[in-house]
């Protein structure tokens, strides 16, 4: 079984290493990822964030320095949602690609709203990074 999926991308005119470092730093999440974080803090070695879904834990699961910003979002009930986020070289700049899955129980309307939120977050990331953070 597979899920419906959408790849949402944003070109950023900055070196991919700079993009990955900025986007993959927990403390920067509230600056660009409003769909995930309005504030972040570390408790007991875990990064927690106030999100639109309530307080959740965020865990980067791969080497951020390689442009792999895959991350798990852990909900208070223990549910884990895995998110794929990659920073790819695009000539002298970067292409940031988020893979959004439509999991069972997520309506088409909610999926579209999630896609819109992700696109807005990636656009905010571009604005920050192209504006010389």
C-alpha atoms as a PDB file:
ATOM      1  CA  UNK A   1       0.000   0.000   0.000  1.00  0.00           C
ATOM      2  CA  UNK A   2       1.209   3.497  -0.773  1.00  0.00           C
ATOM      3  CA  UNK A   3      -0.130   6.935   0.085  1.00  0.00           C
ATOM      4  CA  UNK A   4      -0.887   9.881  -2.181  1.00  0.00           C
ATOM      5  CA  UNK A   5       2.109  12.199  -2.178  1.00  0.00           C
ATOM      6  CA  UNK A   6       3.086  15.688  -3.211  1.00  0.00           C
ATOM      7  CA  UNK A   7       6.620  17.043  -3.595  1.00  0.00           C
ATOM      8  CA  UNK A   8       6.741  20.722  -2.690  1.00  0.00           C
ATOM      9  CA  UNK A   9       9.916  22.543  -3.647  1.00  0.00           C
ATOM     10  CA  UNK A  10      11.482  25.952  -3.368  1.00  0.00           C
ATOM     11  CA  UNK A  11      14.583  27.243  -5.138  1.00  0.00           C
ATOM     12  CA  UNK A  12      16.894  29.261  -2.890  1.00  0.00           C
ATOM     13  CA  UNK A  13      19.783  31.301  -4.240  1.00  0.00           C
ATOM     14  CA  UNK A  14      22.222  30.230  -1.519  1.00  0.00           C
ATOM     15  CA  UNK A  15      24.791  27.473  -1.192  1.00  0.00           C
ATOM     16  CA  UNK A  16      23.070  24.201  -0.185  1.00  0.00           C
ATOM     17  CA  UNK A  17      25.364  23.804   2.836  1.00  0.00           C
ATOM     18  CA  UNK A  18      24.221  27.186   4.186  1.00  0.00           C
ATOM     19  CA  UNK A  19      20.573  26.286   3.587  1.00  0.00           C
ATOM     20  CA  UNK A  20      20.928  22.893   5.297  1.00  0.00           C
ATOM     21  CA  UNK A  21      22.786  24.339   8.272  1.00  0.00           C
ATOM     22  CA  UNK A  22      20.201  27.079   8.829  1.00  0.00           C
ATOM     23  CA  UNK A  23      17.099  24.959   8.228  1.00  0.00           C
ATOM     24  CA  UNK A  24      18.500  22.030  10.223  1.00  0.00           C
ATOM     25  CA  UNK A  25      19.200  24.057  13.361  1.00  0.00           C
ATOM     26  CA  UNK A  26      16.434  23.481  15.900  1.00  0.00           C
ATOM     27  CA  UNK A  27      16.570  27.037  17.218  1.00  0.00           C
ATOM     28  CA  UNK A  28      15.835  28.385  13.716  1.00  0.00           C
ATOM     29  CA  UNK A  29      12.621  26.398  13.227  1.00  0.00           C
ATOM     30  CA  UNK A  30      10.315  29.133  14.582  1.00  0.00           C
ATOM     31  CA  UNK A  31      11.863  31.616  12.140  1.00  0.00           C
ATOM     32  CA  UNK A  32      10.798  29.725   9.039  1.00  0.00           C
ATOM     33  CA  UNK A  33       8.654  26.658   9.846  1.00  0.00           C
ATOM     34  CA  UNK A  34       5.411  28.165  11.177  1.00  0.00           C
ATOM     35  CA  UNK A  35       3.586  24.986  10.176  1.00  0.00           C
ATOM     36  CA  UNK A  36       5.715  23.147  12.715  1.00  0.00           C
ATOM     37  CA  UNK A  37       7.029  25.574  15.285  1.00  0.00           C
ATOM     38  CA  UNK A  38       6.157  28.822  17.006  1.00  0.00           C
ATOM     39  CA  UNK A  39       8.775  28.321  19.705  1.00  0.00           C
ATOM     40  CA  UNK A  40      11.347  25.669  20.515  1.00  0.00           C
ATOM     41  CA  UNK A  41      13.222  24.592  23.628  1.00  0.00           C
ATOM     42  CA  UNK A  42      15.265  21.660  24.795  1.00  0.00           C
ATOM     43  CA  UNK A  43      14.052  19.483  27.687  1.00  0.00           C
ATOM     44  CA  UNK A  44      16.109  16.510  28.815  1.00  0.00           C
ATOM     45  CA  UNK A  45      18.066  16.398  25.575  1.00  0.00           C
ATOM     46  CA  UNK A  46      14.894  16.473  23.467  1.00  0.00           C
ATOM     47  CA  UNK A  47      13.730  19.347  21.294  1.00  0.00           C
ATOM     48  CA  UNK A  48      10.140  20.339  21.932  1.00  0.00           C
ATOM     49  CA  UNK A  49       8.172  22.883  19.994  1.00  0.00           C
ATOM     50  CA  UNK A  50       4.865  24.647  20.298  1.00  0.00           C
ATOM     51  CA  UNK A  51       3.151  23.786  17.054  1.00  0.00           C
ATOM     52  CA  UNK A  52      -0.308  24.304  15.582  1.00  0.00           C
ATOM     53  CA  UNK A  53      -0.898  20.669  16.666  1.00  0.00           C
ATOM     54  CA  UNK A  54       0.107  21.312  20.297  1.00  0.00           C
ATOM     55  CA  UNK A  55       3.473  20.622  21.906  1.00  0.00           C
ATOM     56  CA  UNK A  56       5.438  18.065  19.910  1.00  0.00           C
ATOM     57  CA  UNK A  57       8.967  16.707  19.848  1.00  0.00           C
ATOM     58  CA  UNK A  58      11.029  17.194  16.685  1.00  0.00           C
ATOM     59  CA  UNK A  59      13.917  14.866  15.879  1.00  0.00           C
ATOM     60  CA  UNK A  60      16.177  15.225  12.848  1.00  0.00           C
ATOM     61  CA  UNK A  61      16.899  11.626  11.843  1.00  0.00           C
ATOM     62  CA  UNK A  62      19.724  11.951   9.324  1.00  0.00           C
ATOM     63  CA  UNK A  63      22.950  13.895   8.791  1.00  0.00           C
ATOM     64  CA  UNK A  64      21.749  17.483   8.363  1.00  0.00           C
ATOM     65  CA  UNK A  65      25.172  18.507   7.058  1.00  0.00           C
ATOM     66  CA  UNK A  66      24.522  16.271   4.026  1.00  0.00           C
ATOM     67  CA  UNK A  67      21.312  18.141   3.241  1.00  0.00           C
ATOM     68  CA  UNK A  68      19.077  15.412   4.624  1.00  0.00           C
ATOM     69  CA  UNK A  69      16.658  17.171   6.954  1.00  0.00           C
ATOM     70  CA  UNK A  70      14.306  14.250   7.412  1.00  0.00           C
ATOM     71  CA  UNK A  71      12.604  14.616  10.764  1.00  0.00           C
ATOM     72  CA  UNK A  72      10.118  12.872  12.987  1.00  0.00           C
ATOM     73  CA  UNK A  73       7.343  14.755  14.727  1.00  0.00           C
ATOM     74  CA  UNK A  74       6.386  12.942  17.937  1.00  0.00           C
ATOM     75  CA  UNK A  75       2.944  13.756  19.308  1.00  0.00           C
ATOM     76  CA  UNK A  76       2.068  13.584  23.018  1.00  0.00           C
ATOM     77  CA  UNK A  77       0.161  10.317  22.456  1.00  0.00           C
ATOM     78  CA  UNK A  78       3.323   8.728  20.993  1.00  0.00           C
ATOM     79  CA  UNK A  79       2.216   8.942  17.361  1.00  0.00           C
ATOM     80  CA  UNK A  80       5.204   9.603  15.092  1.00  0.00           C
ATOM     81  CA  UNK A  81       4.896  11.295  11.715  1.00  0.00           C
ATOM     82  CA  UNK A  82       7.968  10.970   9.518  1.00  0.00           C
ATOM     83  CA  UNK A  83       8.739  13.877   7.194  1.00  0.00           C
ATOM     84  CA  UNK A  84      11.199  13.908   4.317  1.00  0.00           C
ATOM     85  CA  UNK A  85      12.977  17.191   3.641  1.00  0.00           C
ATOM     86  CA  UNK A  86      16.009  17.467   1.380  1.00  0.00           C
ATOM     87  CA  UNK A  87      18.334  20.244   0.336  1.00  0.00           C
ATOM     88  CA  UNK A  88      19.698  19.551  -3.143  1.00  0.00           C
ATOM     89  CA  UNK A  89      22.294  21.421  -5.169  1.00  0.00           C
ATOM     90  CA  UNK A  90      20.749  23.466  -7.983  1.00  0.00           C
ATOM     91  CA  UNK A  91      23.659  25.023  -9.909  1.00  0.00           C
ATOM     92  CA  UNK A  92      25.101  27.608  -7.466  1.00  0.00           C
ATOM     93  CA  UNK A  93      21.999  27.499  -5.281  1.00  0.00           C
ATOM     94  CA  UNK A  94      19.740  25.003  -3.608  1.00  0.00           C
ATOM     95  CA  UNK A  95      16.451  23.253  -4.185  1.00  0.00           C
ATOM     96  CA  UNK A  96      14.581  22.432  -0.977  1.00  0.00           C
ATOM     97  CA  UNK A  97      12.106  19.577  -1.416  1.00  0.00           C
ATOM     98  CA  UNK A  98       9.509  18.485   1.143  1.00  0.00           C
ATOM     99  CA  UNK A  99       7.634  15.249   0.497  1.00  0.00           C
ATOM    100  CA  UNK A 100       4.102  15.447   1.870  1.00  0.00           C
ATOM    101  CA  UNK A 101       2.195  12.195   2.285  1.00  0.00           C
ATOM    102  CA  UNK A 102      -1.572  12.014   2.637  1.00  0.00           C
ATOM    103  CA  UNK A 103      -1.900   9.522   5.455  1.00  0.00           C
ATOM    104  CA  UNK A 104      -5.117   7.577   6.133  1.00  0.00           C
ATOM    105  CA  UNK A 105      -7.721   9.718   7.818  1.00  0.00           C
ATOM    106  CA  UNK A 106      -6.386  12.977   6.335  1.00  0.00           C
ATOM    107  CA  UNK A 107      -9.090  14.568   4.205  1.00  0.00           C
ATOM    108  CA  UNK A 108      -8.347  16.045   0.792  1.00  0.00           C
ATOM    109  CA  UNK A 109      -9.051  19.490   2.265  1.00  0.00           C
ATOM    110  CA  UNK A 110      -6.602  18.945   5.135  1.00  0.00           C
ATOM    111  CA  UNK A 111      -3.989  17.619   2.688  1.00  0.00           C
ATOM    112  CA  UNK A 112      -4.365  20.764   0.558  1.00  0.00           C
ATOM    113  CA  UNK A 113      -4.088  22.950   3.670  1.00  0.00           C
ATOM    114  CA  UNK A 114      -0.919  21.097   4.712  1.00  0.00           C
ATOM    115  CA  UNK A 115       0.557  21.568   1.219  1.00  0.00           C
ATOM    116  CA  UNK A 116      -0.220  25.285   1.335  1.00  0.00           C
ATOM    117  CA  UNK A 117       1.398  25.588   4.783  1.00  0.00           C
ATOM    118  CA  UNK A 118       4.537  23.740   3.654  1.00  0.00           C
ATOM    119  CA  UNK A 119       4.849  25.945   0.554  1.00  0.00           C
ATOM    120  CA  UNK A 120       4.535  29.053   2.733  1.00  0.00           C
ATOM    121  CA  UNK A 121       7.197  27.744   5.124  1.00  0.00           C
ATOM    122  CA  UNK A 122       9.620  27.058   2.271  1.00  0.00           C
ATOM    123  CA  UNK A 123       8.960  30.514   0.799  1.00  0.00           C
ATOM    124  CA  UNK A 124       9.713  32.039   4.231  1.00  0.00           C
ATOM    125  CA  UNK A 125      12.958  30.040   4.347  1.00  0.00           C
ATOM    126  CA  UNK A 126      13.910  31.461   0.944  1.00  0.00           C
ATOM    127  CA  UNK A 127      13.106  35.003   2.043  1.00  0.00           C
ATOM    128  CA  UNK A 128      15.247  34.659   5.160  1.00  0.00           C
ATOM    129  CA  UNK A 129      18.216  33.081   3.406  1.00  0.00           C
ATOM    130  CA  UNK A 130      18.220  35.294   0.346  1.00  0.00           C
ATOM    131  CA  UNK A 131      17.918  38.297   2.644  1.00  0.00           C
ATOM    132  CA  UNK A 132      21.313  37.507   4.221  1.00  0.00           C
ATOM    133  CA  UNK A 133      20.204  35.989   7.520  1.00  0.00           C
END
